[in-house]
Amino acid sequence: MGNGASRRRNITSLLEHATEGQEVTVDGWIKTSRFSKNVSFIHLFDGSSPDVIQIVLDQPDADTKAQLGVGTAVRVTGEWVKSPGGKQAWEILSSTIDVVGSCDPSEYPLQKKRTSFEHLRTIAHLRPRTNTFQSLFRVRNALSWQIHKFFQEREFLWIHTPVIASSDCEGAGEMFEVSAGEDGDFFGQPTFLTVSGQLEVECFAQAFTNVYTFGPTFRAENSNTVRHANEFWMIEPEMAFADLNDVIALSEEFIRTIALETIKQCPKDFEFFNTRIEKGVVEAVQRAVEKPFSRLTYEEAQTVLEQSGRSFEFPVGQGTHLQAEHERFLAEEYFKGPVFITDYPADQKAFYMRLNDDGKTVAATDLVVPRLGEIIGGSQREERLDVLQEQMKLRGLSEAPYWWYTDLRRFGSTPHGGFGLGFERMLMWLTGVKNIRDTIPFPRTPGNADF
C-alpha cells in the first residue's frame, strides 16, 4: 500500500487536476457495483465530494466479484480516461484493485433502497456514508469555517470558555449536574455542564473588546421537538463599548455573510438539498438575506398578531410569550423575510439584559427567520452594578455564584452586548433538514446516548 499512497488523490483532486492517460490511485468505499458479461463497474466515493468515480474493471473472477460488494473499502490504481457514458466525464480503467476492508452485503445496513431518517438515527455510526449525510457534514464543516473566517477577518478573538460551570447563565435551572468522587463533590461545590459560554466570554470582552466563543452547550430539557437537543453548539460573540444597535448590525451582517459564503463554498451539496430535501431552499435563503432585515418591538409584534385575523394555537397579546408559530407568521407572512424583534418585557428575559429607561422592558432582540422561527437571541448587557443586582434579586438569584460576574461591573465596566446563534438551527435553515437530530453527528436527546 505504501507505493500507491505516494500517487493517491482524493476524488475532488482527481476531478480538478488529473490529466488524460495519467496513472492514478484512489481510495474509497463502494457505493454501487455492477457485473455483466462484457463489462463490470464499481462506483467509488471517499467523502471529499458529492461525486463518485466510476471504476471500469477487467473481467473479475467469481471470488473478486464476491469481495466487491457495497460498503467495501478499496484502493484502485488505473488509467484516468474520458468516459464514453453520459453520467460522468471521467473514469478509471483499473489495473489493480485491493480490498482494504471487506463488507458483507448480506449484513450491511445501507443498501440501495431508501432508508428513513428515523432508521438512520439508530445506525448513526454508518449514516455518514449516505448521500444526505455526506452533504450535510460537508456543509457543517464549511459553515464552521465560514463562522471562524467571519470573526477572524473582523479581529474578534476566539475564546475557549469552560464546559464545566458553577452557575446558570440563563437562570432556568435546566442543567446537567457534574459529579465525581465518593461524595460527588469533586470541585468543592455543585458544578454543571454549561448552557452557555456568554458570561465567561464577557470577561474577555472587557479586556480584548471583540471576542467570540464557539463550542458545545448542554440543556437538561426533556423535550422531543424537532428543534431541541440536549447537546448542541453555540456561537456567542461579545463586544465591549457596544449597544443593542451594534448587536443587531453585527447579527445581520453575520447571518447574511455566512449563509451566502457557505452556499458558495458547497455548490454541489446545496444542489442536492435544493432538489432532494427542500425544493427551492437555496433560493429561499438567498432571497431572505438579499435585502435589509425588518425590525419591530415586542409590543408592535403583539399588535400585528392581534390584528392579523389569524387563529393561533397559543394566545397573543401584550405580556404573552411569543411562540414559534407567532415568530414564523411574522417572518414568513407579514415581513416575508428575517425580522428582529426587540424590547421584550423584562420578566421574559434573562437577568443580565440591560433594563430600558421605561423600567419594564430590556434591550434584547431575537432574530426570527422564515421556516424556522428564532435563530438568534441577543441583547445589550446590564453594565450598571446596582441595576444588575436588583434584577438578580427580583429573580431570586443568589449573588454568591456570580460574584465574579458582578465584579466586572466594579472595575472599568463598559456598555457591551452580544448574541447567541444555535449552530444546528442555522444548518437546518440553510439545508432544509427538518430535524435537529439530523444535523448533529451523534445526537443527544432524551433516551438517546447510544453512540
Protein backbone atom coordinates (compact mmCIF):
# COMPACT_ATOMS: atom_id res chain seq x y z
CA MET A 1 0.00 0.00 0.00
CA GLY A 2 2.93 2.34 0.55
CA ASN A 3 3.75 2.73 -3.14
CA GLY A 4 0.14 3.54 -4.03
CA ALA A 5 -0.10 6.13 -1.27
CA SER A 6 2.51 8.33 -2.95
CA ARG A 7 0.22 8.74 -6.01
CA ARG A 8 -3.02 8.71 -4.08
CA ARG A 9 -5.50 11.53 -4.57
CA ASN A 10 -8.99 12.16 -3.32
CA ILE A 11 -11.87 12.39 -5.76
CA THR A 12 -12.03 16.18 -5.65
CA SER A 13 -8.35 16.43 -6.57
CA LEU A 14 -8.72 13.91 -9.40
CA LEU A 15 -11.63 15.76 -10.96
CA GLU A 16 -9.82 19.09 -10.74
CA HIS A 17 -6.25 18.14 -11.62
CA ALA A 18 -5.84 14.67 -13.18
CA THR A 19 -4.89 14.59 -16.86
CA GLU A 20 -5.97 12.12 -19.53
CA GLY A 21 -3.88 8.97 -19.67
CA GLN A 22 -2.34 9.54 -16.24
CA GLU A 23 -1.96 6.64 -13.84
CA VAL A 24 -3.82 7.46 -10.64
CA THR A 25 -4.57 5.83 -7.31
CA VAL A 26 -7.71 6.49 -5.29
CA ASP A 27 -9.08 5.07 -2.05
CA GLY A 28 -12.74 4.89 -1.13
CA TRP A 29 -15.84 2.86 -0.43
CA ILE A 30 -18.01 1.13 -2.97
CA LYS A 31 -21.32 2.91 -3.47
CA THR A 32 -22.63 0.53 -6.13
CA SER A 33 -21.26 -2.37 -8.16
CA ARG A 34 -22.49 -3.89 -11.39
CA PHE A 35 -21.13 -7.00 -13.03
CA SER A 36 -22.10 -8.18 -16.51
CA LYS A 37 -20.76 -10.50 -19.18
CA ASN A 38 -18.93 -7.84 -21.19
CA VAL A 39 -18.03 -5.10 -18.70
CA SER A 40 -18.10 -4.50 -14.96
CA PHE A 41 -18.24 -1.28 -12.95
CA ILE A 42 -17.99 -0.06 -9.40
CA HIS A 43 -18.77 3.46 -8.22
CA LEU A 44 -16.47 4.80 -5.54
CA PHE A 45 -16.91 7.61 -3.02
CA ASP A 46 -14.45 9.00 -0.48
CA GLY A 47 -16.35 11.86 1.21
CA SER A 48 -14.35 14.65 -0.41
CA SER A 49 -17.08 15.41 -2.94
CA PRO A 50 -20.70 14.55 -3.80
CA ASP A 51 -19.25 12.99 -6.98
CA VAL A 52 -18.46 9.31 -7.30
CA ILE A 53 -15.78 7.87 -9.56
CA GLN A 54 -16.67 5.11 -11.97
CA ILE A 55 -14.13 2.28 -12.00
CA VAL A 56 -14.09 0.03 -15.06
CA LEU A 57 -12.89 -3.47 -14.20
CA ASP A 58 -11.28 -6.17 -16.26
CA GLN A 59 -13.47 -9.22 -16.19
CA PRO A 60 -13.25 -10.14 -12.49
CA ASP A 61 -13.46 -13.75 -11.40
CA ALA A 62 -16.19 -15.00 -9.09
CA ASP A 63 -14.06 -14.58 -5.95
CA THR A 64 -13.27 -10.95 -6.81
CA LYS A 65 -16.91 -10.16 -7.52
CA ALA A 66 -17.90 -11.60 -4.17
CA GLN A 67 -15.46 -9.24 -2.42
CA LEU A 68 -16.59 -6.07 -4.20
CA GLY A 69 -19.94 -5.53 -2.54
CA VAL A 70 -21.49 -2.26 -1.43
CA GLY A 71 -19.65 -0.74 1.55
CA THR A 72 -16.30 -2.43 0.86
CA ALA A 73 -13.22 -0.21 1.27
CA VAL A 74 -10.82 -0.49 -1.68
CA ARG A 75 -7.73 1.03 -3.23
CA VAL A 76 -7.79 1.33 -7.01
CA THR A 77 -4.95 2.09 -9.40
CA GLY A 78 -5.53 2.64 -13.09
CA GLU A 79 -5.62 4.98 -16.07
CA TRP A 80 -7.58 8.25 -15.96
CA VAL A 81 -9.63 8.38 -19.17
CA LYS A 82 -12.64 10.17 -20.63
CA SER A 83 -15.85 8.26 -20.09
CA PRO A 84 -17.97 7.32 -23.10
CA GLY A 85 -21.03 7.25 -20.86
CA GLY A 86 -23.20 10.30 -20.28
CA LYS A 87 -23.35 10.18 -16.49
CA GLN A 88 -19.72 11.12 -15.81
CA ALA A 89 -16.96 12.89 -17.71
CA TRP A 90 -14.08 10.74 -16.46
CA GLU A 91 -13.48 7.21 -15.23
CA ILE A 92 -10.63 4.94 -14.20
CA LEU A 93 -9.64 1.87 -16.20
CA SER A 94 -8.38 -0.19 -13.32
CA SER A 95 -5.14 -2.13 -13.43
CA THR A 96 -5.23 -3.22 -9.79
CA ILE A 97 -7.88 -3.17 -7.08
CA ASP A 98 -7.12 -4.11 -3.50
CA VAL A 99 -9.72 -4.79 -0.83
CA VAL A 100 -8.71 -2.74 2.22
CA GLY A 101 -11.75 -3.55 4.34
CA SER A 102 -14.32 -6.20 3.49
CA CYS A 103 -18.07 -5.73 3.89
CA ASP A 104 -20.65 -8.49 3.80
CA PRO A 105 -23.50 -7.10 1.66
CA SER A 106 -25.98 -9.51 3.23
CA GLU A 107 -25.46 -7.83 6.63
CA TYR A 108 -24.62 -4.26 5.60
CA PRO A 109 -27.48 -1.97 6.78
CA LEU A 110 -27.08 0.55 3.96
CA GLN A 111 -28.39 -0.82 0.69
CA LYS A 112 -29.80 0.80 -2.45
CA LYS A 113 -33.28 1.09 -1.05
CA ARG A 114 -34.18 4.45 0.51
CA THR A 115 -33.80 4.48 4.29
CA SER A 116 -35.75 6.84 6.55
CA PHE A 117 -34.07 9.47 8.72
CA GLU A 118 -35.61 7.79 11.75
CA HIS A 119 -33.96 4.47 10.93
CA LEU A 120 -30.63 6.12 10.14
CA ARG A 121 -30.58 7.65 13.63
CA THR A 122 -30.41 4.09 15.01
CA ILE A 123 -27.22 3.49 13.00
CA ALA A 124 -25.59 6.87 13.45
CA HIS A 125 -22.15 5.26 13.09
CA LEU A 126 -22.93 4.35 9.45
CA ARG A 127 -25.23 7.14 8.29
CA PRO A 128 -22.29 9.42 7.31
CA ARG A 129 -21.90 7.15 4.26
CA THR A 130 -25.32 8.08 2.83
CA ASN A 131 -25.75 10.85 0.26
CA THR A 132 -27.73 13.09 2.60
CA PHE A 133 -25.26 12.93 5.46
CA GLN A 134 -22.24 13.15 3.17
CA SER A 135 -23.61 16.51 2.01
CA LEU A 136 -24.83 17.55 5.46
CA PHE A 137 -21.50 17.10 7.19
CA ARG A 138 -19.53 18.73 4.40
CA VAL A 139 -21.84 21.74 4.81
CA ARG A 140 -21.46 21.58 8.60
CA ASN A 141 -17.69 21.76 8.12
CA ALA A 142 -17.98 24.64 5.65
CA LEU A 143 -20.34 26.58 7.91
CA SER A 144 -17.91 26.18 10.82
CA TRP A 145 -15.10 27.53 8.67
CA GLN A 146 -17.16 30.50 7.44
CA ILE A 147 -18.11 31.40 11.03
CA HIS A 148 -14.49 31.47 12.14
CA LYS A 149 -13.50 33.32 8.97
CA PHE A 150 -16.17 35.97 9.57
CA PHE A 151 -14.97 36.77 13.08
CA GLN A 152 -11.25 36.42 12.42
CA GLU A 153 -11.46 38.85 9.48
CA ARG A 154 -13.10 41.35 11.84
CA GLU A 155 -10.44 40.87 14.52
CA PHE A 156 -12.60 39.05 17.05
CA LEU A 157 -10.63 36.81 19.41
CA TRP A 158 -11.80 33.18 19.79
CA ILE A 159 -12.11 32.34 23.49
CA HIS A 160 -12.43 28.76 24.76
CA THR A 161 -14.93 29.00 27.59
CA PRO A 162 -15.36 26.18 30.13
CA VAL A 163 -17.65 23.22 29.57
CA ILE A 164 -17.97 22.74 33.34
CA ALA A 165 -19.66 25.68 35.05
CA SER A 166 -20.76 26.55 38.58
CA SER A 167 -23.55 28.97 37.61
CA ASP A 168 -26.51 29.04 35.25
CA CYS A 169 -26.30 31.68 32.54
CA GLU A 170 -30.00 31.54 31.68
CA GLY A 171 -31.34 31.18 35.22
CA ALA A 172 -33.65 28.38 34.06
CA GLY A 173 -32.21 25.61 36.21
CA GLU A 174 -32.26 23.07 33.35
CA MET A 175 -28.68 21.86 33.72
CA PHE A 176 -26.83 18.54 33.82
CA GLU A 177 -25.01 18.22 37.13
CA VAL A 178 -21.39 17.03 37.08
CA SER A 179 -20.27 14.79 39.93
CA ALA A 180 -17.14 12.75 40.64
CA GLY A 181 -15.51 11.11 43.62
CA GLU A 182 -17.12 9.27 46.50
CA ASP A 183 -19.15 12.24 47.71
CA GLY A 184 -19.78 13.63 44.22
CA ASP A 185 -18.22 16.93 45.28
CA PHE A 186 -15.03 16.86 43.23
CA PHE A 187 -14.87 20.64 42.73
CA GLY A 188 -15.94 21.56 46.25
CA GLN A 189 -19.25 22.94 45.03
CA PRO A 190 -22.07 21.91 42.69
CA THR A 191 -20.98 22.04 39.04
CA PHE A 192 -22.86 21.59 35.78
CA LEU A 193 -22.39 21.20 32.05
CA THR A 194 -22.57 24.70 30.63
CA VAL A 195 -25.72 26.07 29.00
CA SER A 196 -23.78 28.98 27.51
CA GLY A 197 -20.30 30.47 27.42
CA GLN A 198 -21.67 34.01 27.42
CA LEU A 199 -20.99 35.05 31.00
CA GLU A 200 -17.39 33.84 30.84
CA VAL A 201 -16.73 35.40 27.44
CA GLU A 202 -17.97 38.75 28.78
CA CYS A 203 -14.86 38.78 30.98
CA PHE A 204 -12.70 38.69 27.88
CA ALA A 205 -14.75 41.33 26.08
CA GLN A 206 -13.82 43.63 28.95
CA ALA A 207 -10.16 43.00 28.12
CA PHE A 208 -10.00 42.38 24.35
CA THR A 209 -13.07 44.38 23.18
CA ASN A 210 -14.32 41.96 20.50
CA VAL A 211 -14.43 38.23 21.26
CA TYR A 212 -16.47 35.12 20.50
CA THR A 213 -16.96 31.59 21.70
CA PHE A 214 -17.87 28.58 19.56
CA GLY A 215 -18.39 25.30 21.38
CA PRO A 216 -20.77 22.70 22.80
CA THR A 217 -23.52 23.61 25.25
CA PHE A 218 -26.00 21.46 27.15
CA ARG A 219 -29.61 21.74 28.28
CA ALA A 220 -31.34 19.19 30.52
CA GLU A 221 -34.72 19.76 28.87
CA ASN A 222 -36.91 16.70 28.47
CA SER A 223 -38.03 17.96 25.09
CA ASN A 224 -38.60 15.89 21.97
CA THR A 225 -39.32 18.60 19.42
CA VAL A 226 -37.56 18.77 16.07
CA ARG A 227 -35.76 21.96 17.18
CA HIS A 228 -34.32 20.79 20.52
CA ALA A 229 -31.36 18.64 21.52
CA ASN A 230 -29.62 18.19 24.85
CA GLU A 231 -26.18 18.80 23.37
CA PHE A 232 -25.65 21.38 20.66
CA TRP A 233 -23.15 24.02 19.55
CA MET A 234 -23.40 27.75 20.09
CA ILE A 235 -21.63 30.77 18.61
CA GLU A 236 -21.59 33.72 21.01
CA PRO A 237 -19.81 36.95 20.05
CA GLU A 238 -19.47 39.71 22.63
CA MET A 239 -18.48 43.35 22.06
CA ALA A 240 -17.37 45.96 24.57
CA PHE A 241 -18.29 49.64 24.01
CA ALA A 242 -21.41 48.47 22.16
CA ASP A 243 -25.18 48.89 22.45
CA LEU A 244 -28.19 46.98 21.09
CA ASN A 245 -27.93 48.65 17.69
CA ASP A 246 -24.37 47.36 17.36
CA VAL A 247 -25.52 43.86 18.31
CA ILE A 248 -28.27 43.94 15.68
CA ALA A 249 -25.92 45.27 12.98
CA LEU A 250 -23.38 42.52 13.66
CA SER A 251 -26.10 39.85 13.73
CA GLU A 252 -27.45 40.85 10.35
CA GLU A 253 -24.05 41.05 8.70
CA PHE A 254 -23.11 37.71 10.26
CA ILE A 255 -26.19 35.79 9.10
CA ARG A 256 -26.05 37.23 5.58
CA THR A 257 -22.33 36.58 5.15
CA ILE A 258 -22.11 33.04 6.49
CA ALA A 259 -25.25 31.97 4.61
CA LEU A 260 -24.06 33.20 1.23
CA GLU A 261 -20.45 32.11 1.67
CA THR A 262 -21.38 28.60 2.81
CA ILE A 263 -23.68 28.13 -0.18
CA LYS A 264 -20.88 29.41 -2.40
CA GLN A 265 -18.35 27.00 -0.86
CA CYS A 266 -20.53 23.87 -1.33
CA PRO A 267 -22.49 24.34 -4.59
CA LYS A 268 -22.96 20.65 -5.37
CA ASP A 269 -24.07 19.80 -1.85
CA PHE A 270 -26.63 22.62 -1.88
CA GLU A 271 -27.86 21.43 -5.25
CA PHE A 272 -28.63 18.12 -3.51
CA PHE A 273 -30.52 19.84 -0.68
CA ASN A 274 -32.31 22.06 -3.18
CA THR A 275 -33.68 19.12 -5.14
CA ARG A 276 -33.87 16.22 -2.68
CA ILE A 277 -34.52 17.67 0.79
CA GLU A 278 -36.35 21.03 0.46
CA LYS A 279 -37.14 22.18 -3.04
CA GLY A 280 -36.07 25.77 -3.55
CA VAL A 281 -34.27 26.09 -0.22
CA VAL A 282 -31.19 27.77 -1.70
CA GLU A 283 -33.21 30.43 -3.50
CA ALA A 284 -35.31 30.95 -0.36
CA VAL A 285 -32.24 31.61 1.79
CA GLN A 286 -30.64 33.86 -0.81
CA ARG A 287 -33.87 35.82 -1.20
CA ALA A 288 -34.21 36.16 2.58
CA VAL A 289 -30.80 37.76 3.06
CA GLU A 290 -30.66 39.91 -0.08
CA LYS A 291 -32.46 42.88 1.49
CA PRO A 292 -32.17 44.61 4.90
CA PHE A 293 -33.83 42.71 7.72
CA SER A 294 -37.02 44.13 9.22
CA ARG A 295 -37.27 45.34 12.81
CA LEU A 296 -40.07 45.96 15.31
CA THR A 297 -40.57 45.95 19.05
CA TYR A 298 -42.21 43.16 21.06
CA GLU A 299 -45.17 45.50 21.68
CA GLU A 300 -45.53 46.20 17.95
CA ALA A 301 -45.23 42.47 17.17
CA GLN A 302 -48.09 41.66 19.54
CA THR A 303 -50.22 44.35 17.91
CA VAL A 304 -49.55 42.86 14.47
CA LEU A 305 -50.51 39.41 15.73
CA GLU A 306 -53.69 40.67 17.40
CA GLN A 307 -54.77 42.46 14.23
CA SER A 308 -53.80 39.63 11.87
CA GLY A 309 -57.16 37.89 12.00
CA ARG A 310 -55.32 34.62 12.36
CA SER A 311 -56.23 31.88 14.82
CA PHE A 312 -53.15 30.73 16.71
CA GLU A 313 -52.74 27.72 18.98
CA PHE A 314 -51.13 29.90 21.67
CA PRO A 315 -52.62 33.19 22.87
CA VAL A 316 -51.34 36.54 21.68
CA GLY A 317 -51.42 39.94 23.35
CA GLN A 318 -49.24 42.17 25.48
CA GLY A 319 -47.46 40.18 28.17
CA THR A 320 -47.81 36.79 26.48
CA HIS A 321 -44.78 34.89 25.20
CA LEU A 322 -44.07 34.81 21.50
CA GLN A 323 -44.21 31.21 20.34
CA ALA A 324 -42.66 29.60 17.25
CA GLU A 325 -45.95 29.88 15.35
CA HIS A 326 -46.08 33.62 16.04
CA GLU A 327 -42.46 34.10 15.01
CA ARG A 328 -42.98 32.19 11.79
CA PHE A 329 -46.09 34.20 10.93
CA LEU A 330 -44.14 37.42 11.33
CA ALA A 331 -41.18 36.21 9.26
CA GLU A 332 -42.98 34.17 6.61
CA GLU A 333 -46.22 36.02 6.04
CA TYR A 334 -46.06 39.53 7.43
CA PHE A 335 -42.49 40.62 6.66
CA LYS A 336 -41.65 37.81 4.23
CA GLY A 337 -38.08 37.73 5.48
CA PRO A 338 -35.90 37.85 8.59
CA VAL A 339 -37.07 40.22 11.33
CA PHE A 340 -35.53 41.48 14.56
CA ILE A 341 -37.97 41.69 17.49
CA THR A 342 -36.69 43.99 20.24
CA ASP A 343 -37.50 45.38 23.68
CA TYR A 344 -39.11 42.38 25.37
CA PRO A 345 -40.73 42.56 28.81
CA ALA A 346 -38.00 42.26 31.41
CA ASP A 347 -39.69 39.32 33.15
CA GLN A 348 -39.48 37.27 29.93
CA LYS A 349 -35.74 37.59 29.56
CA ALA A 350 -32.54 36.76 31.43
CA PHE A 351 -31.27 38.75 34.40
CA TYR A 352 -28.21 40.12 32.59
CA MET A 353 -30.11 42.03 29.87
CA ARG A 354 -29.99 45.81 30.15
CA LEU A 355 -33.10 47.42 31.60
CA ASN A 356 -34.55 50.11 29.33
CA ASP A 357 -35.43 53.57 30.60
CA ASP A 358 -39.09 52.59 30.89
CA GLY A 359 -38.15 50.18 33.67
CA LYS A 360 -40.35 47.49 32.10
CA THR A 361 -38.52 46.23 29.02
CA VAL A 362 -34.98 45.18 28.25
CA ALA A 363 -32.63 45.95 25.36
CA ALA A 364 -32.94 42.47 23.89
CA THR A 365 -33.53 41.11 20.42
CA ASP A 366 -34.48 37.84 18.78
CA LEU A 367 -33.89 37.31 15.08
CA VAL A 368 -36.59 35.15 13.52
CA VAL A 369 -36.41 33.71 10.02
CA PRO A 370 -38.88 32.01 7.66
CA ARG A 371 -39.39 28.23 8.01
CA LEU A 372 -37.65 28.07 11.39
CA GLY A 373 -38.51 30.90 13.75
CA GLU A 374 -35.91 32.14 16.24
CA ILE A 375 -32.34 31.67 15.12
CA ILE A 376 -30.51 34.31 17.19
CA GLY A 377 -31.06 35.70 20.67
CA GLY A 378 -29.05 38.70 21.83
CA SER A 379 -29.01 41.79 24.00
CA GLN A 380 -27.13 44.69 25.39
CA ARG A 381 -25.88 43.52 28.79
CA GLU A 382 -26.57 45.32 32.04
CA GLU A 383 -23.35 47.16 32.89
CA ARG A 384 -24.76 49.05 35.91
CA LEU A 385 -23.97 47.16 39.11
CA ASP A 386 -26.93 48.37 41.15
CA VAL A 387 -29.43 47.59 38.39
CA LEU A 388 -27.91 44.15 37.80
CA GLN A 389 -28.10 43.33 41.50
CA GLU A 390 -31.73 44.41 41.63
CA GLN A 391 -32.62 42.24 38.62
CA MET A 392 -30.95 39.24 40.24
CA LYS A 393 -32.85 39.89 43.45
CA LEU A 394 -36.18 40.09 41.62
CA ARG A 395 -35.49 36.65 40.11
CA GLY A 396 -34.44 35.10 43.38
CA LEU A 397 -30.85 34.57 42.24
CA SER A 398 -28.12 34.44 44.86
CA GLU A 399 -25.19 36.73 44.09
CA ALA A 400 -22.68 34.28 45.54
CA PRO A 401 -22.18 32.11 42.43
CA TYR A 402 -21.99 35.22 40.27
CA TRP A 403 -19.52 37.20 42.40
CA TRP A 404 -17.02 37.40 39.56
CA TYR A 405 -19.71 38.50 37.10
CA THR A 406 -20.84 41.37 39.30
CA ASP A 407 -17.16 42.16 39.94
CA LEU A 408 -16.80 43.09 36.27
CA ARG A 409 -19.18 45.98 36.92
CA ARG A 410 -16.89 47.36 39.63
CA PHE A 411 -13.71 47.60 37.59
CA GLY A 412 -13.88 49.51 34.32
CA SER A 413 -17.33 48.38 33.20
CA THR A 414 -18.41 49.34 29.69
CA PRO A 415 -21.65 49.16 27.74
CA HIS A 416 -21.43 45.83 25.96
CA GLY A 417 -23.55 43.24 24.21
CA GLY A 418 -23.67 40.15 22.08
CA PHE A 419 -25.80 37.33 20.77
CA GLY A 420 -26.02 33.58 20.55
CA LEU A 421 -26.59 31.58 17.38
CA GLY A 422 -27.63 27.95 17.57
CA PHE A 423 -25.27 26.29 15.10
CA GLU A 424 -27.55 23.37 14.29
CA ARG A 425 -30.56 25.64 13.78
CA MET A 426 -28.52 27.58 11.24
CA LEU A 427 -27.77 24.29 9.48
CA MET A 428 -31.48 23.44 9.46
CA TRP A 429 -32.33 26.79 7.90
CA LEU A 430 -29.64 26.56 5.21
CA THR A 431 -30.27 22.97 4.16
CA GLY A 432 -33.99 22.45 4.75
CA VAL A 433 -33.32 19.47 7.04
CA LYS A 434 -36.35 19.29 9.32
CA ASN A 435 -34.99 17.68 12.49
CA ILE A 436 -32.07 18.92 14.58
CA ARG A 437 -31.13 15.28 15.26
CA ASP A 438 -30.08 15.03 11.63
CA THR A 439 -27.63 17.94 11.79
CA ILE A 440 -25.53 16.53 14.67
CA PRO A 441 -23.04 13.65 14.20
CA PHE A 442 -24.25 11.83 17.32
CA PRO A 443 -27.42 13.49 18.66
CA ARG A 444 -28.06 13.59 22.39
CA THR A 445 -31.78 13.65 23.13
CA PRO A 446 -33.94 12.15 25.90
CA GLY A 447 -33.40 8.40 25.96
CA ASN A 448 -30.67 8.51 23.32
CA ALA A 449 -26.97 8.26 24.14
CA ASP A 450 -26.05 5.02 22.38
CA PHE A 451 -23.02 6.29 20.50
